[in-house]
Structure formats: C-alpha cells, structure tokens
PDB file of N, CA and C in Angstrom:
ATOM      1  N   UNK A   1       0.742  -1.062  -0.037  1.00  0.00           N
ATOM      2  CA  UNK A   1      -0.092   0.039  -0.104  1.00  0.00           C
ATOM      3  C   UNK A   1       0.812   1.233  -0.033  1.00  0.00           C
ATOM      4  N   UNK A   2       0.565   2.058  -1.129  1.00  0.00           N
ATOM      5  CA  UNK A   2       1.455   3.256  -1.000  1.00  0.00           C
ATOM      6  C   UNK A   2       0.629   4.320  -0.376  1.00  0.00           C
ATOM      7  N   UNK A   3       1.513   5.301   0.270  1.00  0.00           N
ATOM      8  CA  UNK A   3       1.037   6.424   1.189  1.00  0.00           C
ATOM      9  C   UNK A   3       0.563   7.840  -0.079  1.00  0.00           C
ATOM     10  N   UNK A   4      -0.765   8.214   0.146  1.00  0.00           N
ATOM     11  CA  UNK A   4      -1.097   9.231  -0.685  1.00  0.00           C
ATOM     12  C   UNK A   4      -1.403  10.591   0.032  1.00  0.00           C
ATOM     13  N   UNK A   5      -1.361  11.738  -0.640  1.00  0.00           N
ATOM     14  CA  UNK A   5      -1.574  13.032  -0.032  1.00  0.00           C
ATOM     15  C   UNK A   5      -2.748  13.666  -1.001  1.00  0.00           C
ATOM     16  N   UNK A   6      -3.778  14.182  -0.328  1.00  0.00           N
ATOM     17  CA  UNK A   6      -4.838  14.941  -1.102  1.00  0.00           C
ATOM     18  C   UNK A   6      -4.639  16.395  -1.025  1.00  0.00           C
ATOM     19  N   UNK A   7      -4.375  17.284  -1.926  1.00  0.00           N
ATOM     20  CA  UNK A   7      -4.238  18.629  -1.659  1.00  0.00           C
ATOM     21  C   UNK A   7      -5.637  19.189  -2.609  1.00  0.00           C
ATOM     22  N   UNK A   8      -6.444  19.914  -2.338  1.00  0.00           N
ATOM     23  CA  UNK A   8      -7.848  20.255  -2.868  1.00  0.00           C
ATOM     24  C   UNK A   8      -8.386  18.898  -3.844  1.00  0.00           C
ATOM     25  N   UNK A   9      -8.411  18.917  -4.891  1.00  0.00           N
ATOM     26  CA  UNK A   9      -8.833  18.006  -5.760  1.00  0.00           C
ATOM     27  C   UNK A   9      -7.979  17.094  -6.384  1.00  0.00           C
ATOM     28  N   UNK A  10      -6.563  17.394  -5.989  1.00  0.00           N
ATOM     29  CA  UNK A  10      -5.515  16.663  -6.677  1.00  0.00           C
ATOM     30  C   UNK A  10      -4.934  15.572  -5.586  1.00  0.00           C
ATOM     31  N   UNK A  11      -4.835  14.530  -6.150  1.00  0.00           N
ATOM     32  CA  UNK A  11      -3.983  13.381  -5.319  1.00  0.00           C
ATOM     33  C   UNK A  11      -2.666  13.049  -5.868  1.00  0.00           C
ATOM     34  N   UNK A  12      -1.638  12.873  -4.747  1.00  0.00           N
ATOM     35  CA  UNK A  12      -0.228  12.901  -5.133  1.00  0.00           C
ATOM     36  C   UNK A  12       0.088  11.209  -4.463  1.00  0.00           C
ATOM     37  N   UNK A  13       0.901  10.512  -5.146  1.00  0.00           N
ATOM     38  CA  UNK A  13       1.151   9.387  -4.344  1.00  0.00           C
ATOM     39  C   UNK A  13       2.647   9.748  -3.815  1.00  0.00           C
ATOM     40  N   UNK A  14       3.143   9.335  -3.007  1.00  0.00           N
ATOM     41  CA  UNK A  14       4.428   9.193  -2.166  1.00  0.00           C
ATOM     42  C   UNK A  14       5.091   7.964  -2.189  1.00  0.00           C
ATOM     43  N   UNK A  15       6.537   8.264  -2.033  1.00  0.00           N
ATOM     44  CA  UNK A  15       7.272   7.004  -1.908  1.00  0.00           C
ATOM     45  C   UNK A  15       6.912   6.093  -0.873  1.00  0.00           C
ATOM     46  N   UNK A  16       6.907   4.717  -1.132  1.00  0.00           N
ATOM     47  CA  UNK A  16       6.375   3.695  -0.215  1.00  0.00           C
ATOM     48  C   UNK A  16       7.217   3.652   1.025  1.00  0.00           C
ATOM     49  N   UNK A  17       8.618   3.981   0.910  1.00  0.00           N
ATOM     50  CA  UNK A  17       9.571   3.847   2.033  1.00  0.00           C
ATOM     51  C   UNK A  17       9.267   5.058   2.781  1.00  0.00           C
ATOM     52  N   UNK A  18       9.229   4.776   4.288  1.00  0.00           N
ATOM     53  CA  UNK A  18       9.230   5.842   5.356  1.00  0.00           C
ATOM     54  C   UNK A  18      10.189   6.788   5.477  1.00  0.00           C
ATOM     55  N   UNK A  19      11.545   5.989   5.183  1.00  0.00           N
ATOM     56  CA  UNK A  19      12.702   6.798   5.065  1.00  0.00           C
ATOM     57  C   UNK A  19      12.718   7.815   4.124  1.00  0.00           C
ATOM     58  N   UNK A  20      12.387   7.484   2.928  1.00  0.00           N
ATOM     59  CA  UNK A  20      12.305   8.248   1.928  1.00  0.00           C
ATOM     60  C   UNK A  20      11.406   9.241   1.977  1.00  0.00           C
ATOM     61  N   UNK A  21      10.393   9.285   2.421  1.00  0.00           N
ATOM     62  CA  UNK A  21       9.309  10.047   2.650  1.00  0.00           C
ATOM     63  C   UNK A  21       9.525  11.298   3.788  1.00  0.00           C
ATOM     64  N   UNK A  22      10.414  10.421   4.863  1.00  0.00           N
ATOM     65  CA  UNK A  22      10.918  11.515   5.805  1.00  0.00           C
ATOM     66  C   UNK A  22      11.676  12.430   5.350  1.00  0.00           C
ATOM     67  N   UNK A  23      12.688  11.727   4.478  1.00  0.00           N
ATOM     68  CA  UNK A  23      13.705  12.857   3.976  1.00  0.00           C
ATOM     69  C   UNK A  23      13.254  13.704   2.914  1.00  0.00           C
ATOM     70  N   UNK A  24      12.348  13.397   2.399  1.00  0.00           N
ATOM     71  CA  UNK A  24      11.451  14.115   1.422  1.00  0.00           C
ATOM     72  C   UNK A  24      10.966  15.376   2.137  1.00  0.00           C
ATOM     73  N   UNK A  25      10.310  15.044   3.038  1.00  0.00           N
ATOM     74  CA  UNK A  25       9.759  16.242   4.153  1.00  0.00           C
ATOM     75  C   UNK A  25      10.757  17.062   4.474  1.00  0.00           C
ATOM     76  N   UNK A  26      11.706  16.540   5.082  1.00  0.00           N
ATOM     77  CA  UNK A  26      12.744  17.424   5.822  1.00  0.00           C
ATOM     78  C   UNK A  26      13.469  18.365   4.824  1.00  0.00           C
ATOM     79  N   UNK A  27      13.747  17.767   3.423  1.00  0.00           N
ATOM     80  CA  UNK A  27      14.321  17.916   2.508  1.00  0.00           C
ATOM     81  C   UNK A  27      13.510  19.707   1.948  1.00  0.00           C
ATOM     82  N   UNK A  28      12.089  19.383   2.005  1.00  0.00           N
ATOM     83  CA  UNK A  28      11.200  20.470   1.307  1.00  0.00           C
ATOM     84  C   UNK A  28      11.196  21.414   2.544  1.00  0.00           C
ATOM     85  N   UNK A  29      11.269  21.125   3.683  1.00  0.00           N
ATOM     86  CA  UNK A  29      11.122  22.028   4.985  1.00  0.00           C
ATOM     87  C   UNK A  29      12.526  22.868   4.807  1.00  0.00           C
ATOM     88  N   UNK A  30      13.711  22.248   4.591  1.00  0.00           N
ATOM     89  CA  UNK A  30      15.126  22.994   4.855  1.00  0.00           C
ATOM     90  C   UNK A  30      15.047  23.675   3.404  1.00  0.00           C
ATOM     91  N   UNK A  31      14.479  23.385   2.250  1.00  0.00           N
ATOM     92  CA  UNK A  31      14.473  24.182   1.116  1.00  0.00           C
ATOM     93  C   UNK A  31      13.591  25.755   1.113  1.00  0.00           C
ATOM     94  N   UNK A  32      12.545  25.413   1.779  1.00  0.00           N
ATOM     95  CA  UNK A  32      11.598  26.200   2.419  1.00  0.00           C
ATOM     96  C   UNK A  32      12.017  27.373   3.027  1.00  0.00           C
ATOM     97  N   UNK A  33      13.213  27.119   4.116  1.00  0.00           N
ATOM     98  CA  UNK A  33      13.620  27.996   5.011  1.00  0.00           C
ATOM     99  C   UNK A  33      14.858  28.639   4.076  1.00  0.00           C
ATOM    100  N   UNK A  34      14.974  28.372   3.119  1.00  0.00           N
ATOM    101  CA  UNK A  34      15.982  29.312   2.222  1.00  0.00           C
ATOM    102  C   UNK A  34      15.283  29.887   1.121  1.00  0.00           C
ATOM    103  N   UNK A  35      13.786  30.123   1.361  1.00  0.00           N
ATOM    104  CA  UNK A  35      13.069  30.669   0.322  1.00  0.00           C
ATOM    105  C   UNK A  35      13.273  31.935  -0.294  1.00  0.00           C
ATOM    106  N   UNK A  36      13.951  32.601   0.552  1.00  0.00           N
ATOM    107  CA  UNK A  36      14.722  34.128  -0.234  1.00  0.00           C
ATOM    108  C   UNK A  36      15.492  33.744  -1.661  1.00  0.00           C
ATOM    109  N   UNK A  37      16.071  32.665  -1.726  1.00  0.00           N
ATOM    110  CA  UNK A  37      16.781  32.319  -2.998  1.00  0.00           C
ATOM    111  C   UNK A  37      15.723  32.186  -4.144  1.00  0.00           C
ATOM    112  N   UNK A  38      16.302  32.281  -5.158  1.00  0.00           N
ATOM    113  CA  UNK A  38      15.461  32.368  -6.390  1.00  0.00           C
ATOM    114  C   UNK A  38      14.652  31.520  -6.927  1.00  0.00           C
ATOM    115  N   UNK A  39      15.400  30.042  -6.557  1.00  0.00           N
ATOM    116  CA  UNK A  39      14.586  28.851  -7.044  1.00  0.00           C
ATOM    117  C   UNK A  39      13.639  28.413  -6.017  1.00  0.00           C
ATOM    118  N   UNK A  40      14.415  28.252  -4.785  1.00  0.00           N
ATOM    119  CA  UNK A  40      13.399  27.695  -3.868  1.00  0.00           C
ATOM    120  C   UNK A  40      12.287  28.856  -3.343  1.00  0.00           C
ATOM    121  N   UNK A  41      11.273  28.518  -2.563  1.00  0.00           N
ATOM    122  CA  UNK A  41      10.026  29.176  -1.887  1.00  0.00           C
ATOM    123  C   UNK A  41       9.718  28.816  -0.645  1.00  0.00           C
ATOM    124  N   UNK A  42       8.884  29.568  -0.110  1.00  0.00           N
ATOM    125  CA  UNK A  42       8.504  29.529   1.122  1.00  0.00           C
ATOM    126  C   UNK A  42       7.194  28.713   1.094  1.00  0.00           C
ATOM    127  N   UNK A  43       6.775  28.289  -0.014  1.00  0.00           N
ATOM    128  CA  UNK A  43       5.760  27.280  -0.137  1.00  0.00           C
ATOM    129  C   UNK A  43       6.078  25.934   0.043  1.00  0.00           C
ATOM    130  N   UNK A  44       7.493  25.733   0.255  1.00  0.00           N
ATOM    131  CA  UNK A  44       7.930  24.229   0.413  1.00  0.00           C
ATOM    132  C   UNK A  44       7.724  24.010   1.948  1.00  0.00           C
ATOM    133  N   UNK A  45       7.737  24.880   2.831  1.00  0.00           N
ATOM    134  CA  UNK A  45       7.444  24.478   4.149  1.00  0.00           C
ATOM    135  C   UNK A  45       6.505  23.614   4.376  1.00  0.00           C
ATOM    136  N   UNK A  46       5.111  24.555   4.076  1.00  0.00           N
ATOM    137  CA  UNK A  46       3.493  23.585   4.410  1.00  0.00           C
ATOM    138  C   UNK A  46       3.877  22.616   3.535  1.00  0.00           C
ATOM    139  N   UNK A  47       4.424  22.183   2.358  1.00  0.00           N
ATOM    140  CA  UNK A  47       4.321  21.098   1.604  1.00  0.00           C
ATOM    141  C   UNK A  47       4.965  19.857   2.329  1.00  0.00           C
ATOM    142  N   UNK A  48       6.493  20.396   2.628  1.00  0.00           N
ATOM    143  CA  UNK A  48       7.134  19.563   3.574  1.00  0.00           C
ATOM    144  C   UNK A  48       6.366  18.925   4.718  1.00  0.00           C
ATOM    145  N   UNK A  49       5.554  19.840   5.422  1.00  0.00           N
ATOM    146  CA  UNK A  49       4.715  19.374   6.751  1.00  0.00           C
ATOM    147  C   UNK A  49       3.809  18.385   6.424  1.00  0.00           C
ATOM    148  N   UNK A  50       3.264  18.620   5.132  1.00  0.00           N
ATOM    149  CA  UNK A  50       2.047  17.721   4.667  1.00  0.00           C
ATOM    150  C   UNK A  50       2.441  16.464   4.207  1.00  0.00           C
ATOM    151  N   UNK A  51       3.798  16.430   3.692  1.00  0.00           N
ATOM    152  CA  UNK A  51       4.508  15.073   3.520  1.00  0.00           C
ATOM    153  C   UNK A  51       4.985  14.400   4.989  1.00  0.00           C
ATOM    154  N   UNK A  52       5.266  15.079   5.886  1.00  0.00           N
ATOM    155  CA  UNK A  52       5.935  14.570   7.502  1.00  0.00           C
ATOM    156  C   UNK A  52       4.382  14.211   7.872  1.00  0.00           C
ATOM    157  N   UNK A  53       3.330  14.661   7.397  1.00  0.00           N
ATOM    158  CA  UNK A  53       2.065  14.368   8.314  1.00  0.00           C
ATOM    159  C   UNK A  53       1.760  12.725   8.092  1.00  0.00           C
ATOM    160  N   UNK A  54       2.163  12.391   6.995  1.00  0.00           N
ATOM    161  CA  UNK A  54       2.040  10.843   6.577  1.00  0.00           C
ATOM    162  C   UNK A  54       2.651   9.846   7.932  1.00  0.00           C
ATOM    163  N   UNK A  55       3.581  10.450   8.339  1.00  0.00           N
ATOM    164  CA  UNK A  55       4.574   9.455   9.249  1.00  0.00           C
ATOM    165  C   UNK A  55       4.487  10.015  10.739  1.00  0.00           C
ATOM    166  N   UNK A  56       4.572  11.430  10.901  1.00  0.00           N
ATOM    167  CA  UNK A  56       4.430  11.582  12.401  1.00  0.00           C
ATOM    168  C   UNK A  56       3.301  12.219  12.744  1.00  0.00           C
ATOM    169  N   UNK A  57       2.713  11.608  13.760  1.00  0.00           N
ATOM    170  CA  UNK A  57       1.517  11.748  14.470  1.00  0.00           C
ATOM    171  C   UNK A  57       1.154  13.213  14.880  1.00  0.00           C
ATOM    172  N   UNK A  58       2.593  13.947  15.592  1.00  0.00           N
ATOM    173  CA  UNK A  58       2.256  15.172  15.913  1.00  0.00           C
ATOM    174  C   UNK A  58       1.913  16.225  14.669  1.00  0.00           C
ATOM    175  N   UNK A  59       2.308  16.079  13.777  1.00  0.00           N
ATOM    176  CA  UNK A  59       2.174  17.147  12.548  1.00  0.00           C
ATOM    177  C   UNK A  59       0.692  16.677  11.696  1.00  0.00           C
ATOM    178  N   UNK A  60       0.536  15.164  11.779  1.00  0.00           N
ATOM    179  CA  UNK A  60      -0.902  14.863  11.676  1.00  0.00           C
ATOM    180  C   UNK A  60      -2.034  15.561  12.233  1.00  0.00           C
ATOM    181  N   UNK A  61      -1.663  15.641  13.837  1.00  0.00           N
ATOM    182  CA  UNK A  61      -2.601  16.401  14.455  1.00  0.00           C
ATOM    183  C   UNK A  61      -2.827  17.814  14.259  1.00  0.00           C
ATOM    184  N   UNK A  62      -1.583  18.359  13.709  1.00  0.00           N
ATOM    185  CA  UNK A  62      -1.630  19.957  13.481  1.00  0.00           C
ATOM    186  C   UNK A  62      -2.539  19.881  12.151  1.00  0.00           C
ATOM    187  N   UNK A  63      -2.194  18.985  10.933  1.00  0.00           N
ATOM    188  CA  UNK A  63      -3.005  19.213   9.907  1.00  0.00           C
ATOM    189  C   UNK A  63      -4.375  19.153   9.886  1.00  0.00           C
ATOM    190  N   UNK A  64      -4.662  18.009  10.929  1.00  0.00           N
ATOM    191  CA  UNK A  64      -6.318  17.801  11.219  1.00  0.00           C
ATOM    192  C   UNK A  64      -6.868  18.888  11.944  1.00  0.00           C
ATOM    193  N   UNK A  65      -6.306  19.541  13.008  1.00  0.00           N
ATOM    194  CA  UNK A  65      -6.804  20.959  13.369  1.00  0.00           C
ATOM    195  C   UNK A  65      -6.696  21.932  12.277  1.00  0.00           C
ATOM    196  N   UNK A  66      -5.865  22.104  11.249  1.00  0.00           N
ATOM    197  CA  UNK A  66      -6.041  23.105  10.559  1.00  0.00           C
ATOM    198  C   UNK A  66      -7.169  22.820   9.510  1.00  0.00           C
ATOM    199  N   UNK A  67      -7.259  21.419   9.180  1.00  0.00           N
ATOM    200  CA  UNK A  67      -8.650  21.029   8.343  1.00  0.00           C
ATOM    201  C   UNK A  67      -9.790  21.872   8.944  1.00  0.00           C
ATOM    202  N   UNK A  68      -9.864  21.200  10.238  1.00  0.00           N
ATOM    203  CA  UNK A  68     -11.067  21.355  11.094  1.00  0.00           C
ATOM    204  C   UNK A  68     -11.288  22.916  11.356  1.00  0.00           C
ATOM    205  N   UNK A  69     -10.468  23.828  11.443  1.00  0.00           N
ATOM    206  CA  UNK A  69     -10.341  25.058  11.551  1.00  0.00           C
ATOM    207  C   UNK A  69     -10.834  26.010   9.887  1.00  0.00           C
ATOM    208  N   UNK A  70     -10.220  25.284   9.062  1.00  0.00           N
ATOM    209  CA  UNK A  70     -10.576  25.838   7.681  1.00  0.00           C
ATOM    210  C   UNK A  70     -12.104  25.540   7.477  1.00  0.00           C
ATOM    211  N   UNK A  71     -12.471  24.250   7.600  1.00  0.00           N
ATOM    212  CA  UNK A  71     -14.004  23.772   7.494  1.00  0.00           C
ATOM    213  C   UNK A  71     -14.914  24.905   8.148  1.00  0.00           C
ATOM    214  N   UNK A  72     -14.571  25.160   9.456  1.00  0.00           N
ATOM    215  CA  UNK A  72     -15.417  26.023  10.144  1.00  0.00           C
ATOM    216  C   UNK A  72     -15.255  27.314   9.646  1.00  0.00           C
ATOM    217  N   UNK A  73     -14.554  27.878   9.268  1.00  0.00           N
ATOM    218  CA  UNK A  73     -14.220  29.142   8.758  1.00  0.00           C
ATOM    219  C   UNK A  73     -15.033  29.229   7.564  1.00  0.00           C
ATOM    220  N   UNK A  74     -14.977  27.955   6.556  1.00  0.00           N
ATOM    221  CA  UNK A  74     -15.509  28.221   5.282  1.00  0.00           C
ATOM    222  C   UNK A  74     -17.000  27.870   5.550  1.00  0.00           C
ATOM    223  N   UNK A  75     -17.454  27.212   6.518  1.00  0.00           N
ATOM    224  CA  UNK A  75     -18.725  26.888   6.883  1.00  0.00           C
ATOM    225  C   UNK A  75     -19.467  25.517   6.027  1.00  0.00           C
ATOM    226  N   UNK A  76     -18.479  24.753   5.345  1.00  0.00           N
ATOM    227  CA  UNK A  76     -18.639  23.779   4.583  1.00  0.00           C
ATOM    228  C   UNK A  76     -19.363  22.295   5.259  1.00  0.00           C
ATOM    229  N   UNK A  77     -19.354  22.819   6.673  1.00  0.00           N
ATOM    230  CA  UNK A  77     -19.718  21.503   7.198  1.00  0.00           C
ATOM    231  C   UNK A  77     -18.797  20.353   8.050  1.00  0.00           C
ATOM    232  N   UNK A  78     -17.414  20.685   7.497  1.00  0.00           N
ATOM    233  CA  UNK A  78     -16.082  19.819   7.851  1.00  0.00           C
ATOM    234  C   UNK A  78     -16.234  20.381   9.448  1.00  0.00           C
ATOM    235  N   UNK A  79     -16.945  19.981  10.302  1.00  0.00           N
ATOM    236  CA  UNK A  79     -16.311  20.342  11.607  1.00  0.00           C
ATOM    237  C   UNK A  79     -17.203  21.548  12.322  1.00  0.00           C
ATOM    238  N   UNK A  80     -17.906  22.225  11.504  1.00  0.00           N
ATOM    239  CA  UNK A  80     -18.483  23.664  11.856  1.00  0.00           C
ATOM    240  C   UNK A  80     -20.123  23.082  11.987  1.00  0.00           C
ATOM    241  N   UNK A  81     -20.652  23.944  13.195  1.00  0.00           N
ATOM    242  CA  UNK A  81     -22.043  23.895  13.372  1.00  0.00           C
ATOM    243  C   UNK A  81     -22.368  22.705  14.149  1.00  0.00           C
ATOM    244  N   UNK A  82     -21.494  22.221  14.653  1.00  0.00           N
ATOM    245  CA  UNK A  82     -21.526  20.881  15.749  1.00  0.00           C
ATOM    246  C   UNK A  82     -22.039  21.276  16.886  1.00  0.00           C
ATOM    247  N   UNK A  83     -22.439  20.203  17.663  1.00  0.00           N
ATOM    248  CA  UNK A  83     -22.938  20.546  19.066  1.00  0.00           C
ATOM    249  C   UNK A  83     -21.982  21.610  19.863  1.00  0.00           C
ATOM    250  N   UNK A  84     -22.575  22.514  20.481  1.00  0.00           N
ATOM    251  CA  UNK A  84     -21.798  23.537  21.049  1.00  0.00           C
ATOM    252  C   UNK A  84     -21.350  24.750  20.023  1.00  0.00           C
ATOM    253  N   UNK A  85     -21.598  24.754  18.849  1.00  0.00           N
ATOM    254  CA  UNK A  85     -20.866  25.751  17.983  1.00  0.00           C
ATOM    255  C   UNK A  85     -22.434  26.602  17.909  1.00  0.00           C
ATOM    256  N   UNK A  86     -21.985  28.005  18.216  1.00  0.00           N
ATOM    257  CA  UNK A  86     -23.023  28.826  18.613  1.00  0.00           C
ATOM    258  C   UNK A  86     -23.157  29.691  17.193  1.00  0.00           C
ATOM    259  N   UNK A  87     -22.257  29.643  16.370  1.00  0.00           N
ATOM    260  CA  UNK A  87     -22.071  30.602  15.380  1.00  0.00           C
ATOM    261  C   UNK A  87     -23.388  30.302  14.162  1.00  0.00           C
ATOM    262  N   UNK A  88     -23.934  31.237  13.535  1.00  0.00           N
ATOM    263  CA  UNK A  88     -24.928  30.775  12.746  1.00  0.00           C
ATOM    264  C   UNK A  88     -24.084  29.909  11.471  1.00  0.00           C
TER     265      UNK A  88
END
C-alpha cells in the first residue's frame, strides 16, 4: 500500500519507503527555509509538513486541526455547526 496525500482536488502518491518520505519532507522544509533564494520558495515549508504528516502523529494532528479550522471558517460542514457551536 502506497501513501497518498490529497491537496484540494489533486491526489499525489508518495514513495513507499518511510525513510524516503521523511527525507523528502525534511528536504522540502529545509529548502523552504531558504525561500529567499531565487529557485526555492516559502511554499515548500507547508508542503514538507504535509509530507511529514503521513508518518509523524504530531504533524498529523496539526494538519487535522487546520482542516477542521478551515472547514469551520468556510462553513462547509467539515467540523462546523456541531454541538456547542453557536455561530450561525
């Protein structure tokens, strides 16, 4: 079974090896920290975190909290207007 990530309507397959996925995620984050350089960009940091969220539970929790927050903000039913939510 290969790991997949979904970004909007797009689905991407990741390498099967956990070690390679971790290295890819860390490389993307490291490249994002050098985002002031012409070829690299700060967009690489969230992408690296997304790749790491496949294998690291703490990053997965951060991603899930962001998804729930975004769903509530947009009001599309992804975690919004549930029990205890008083917003219209």
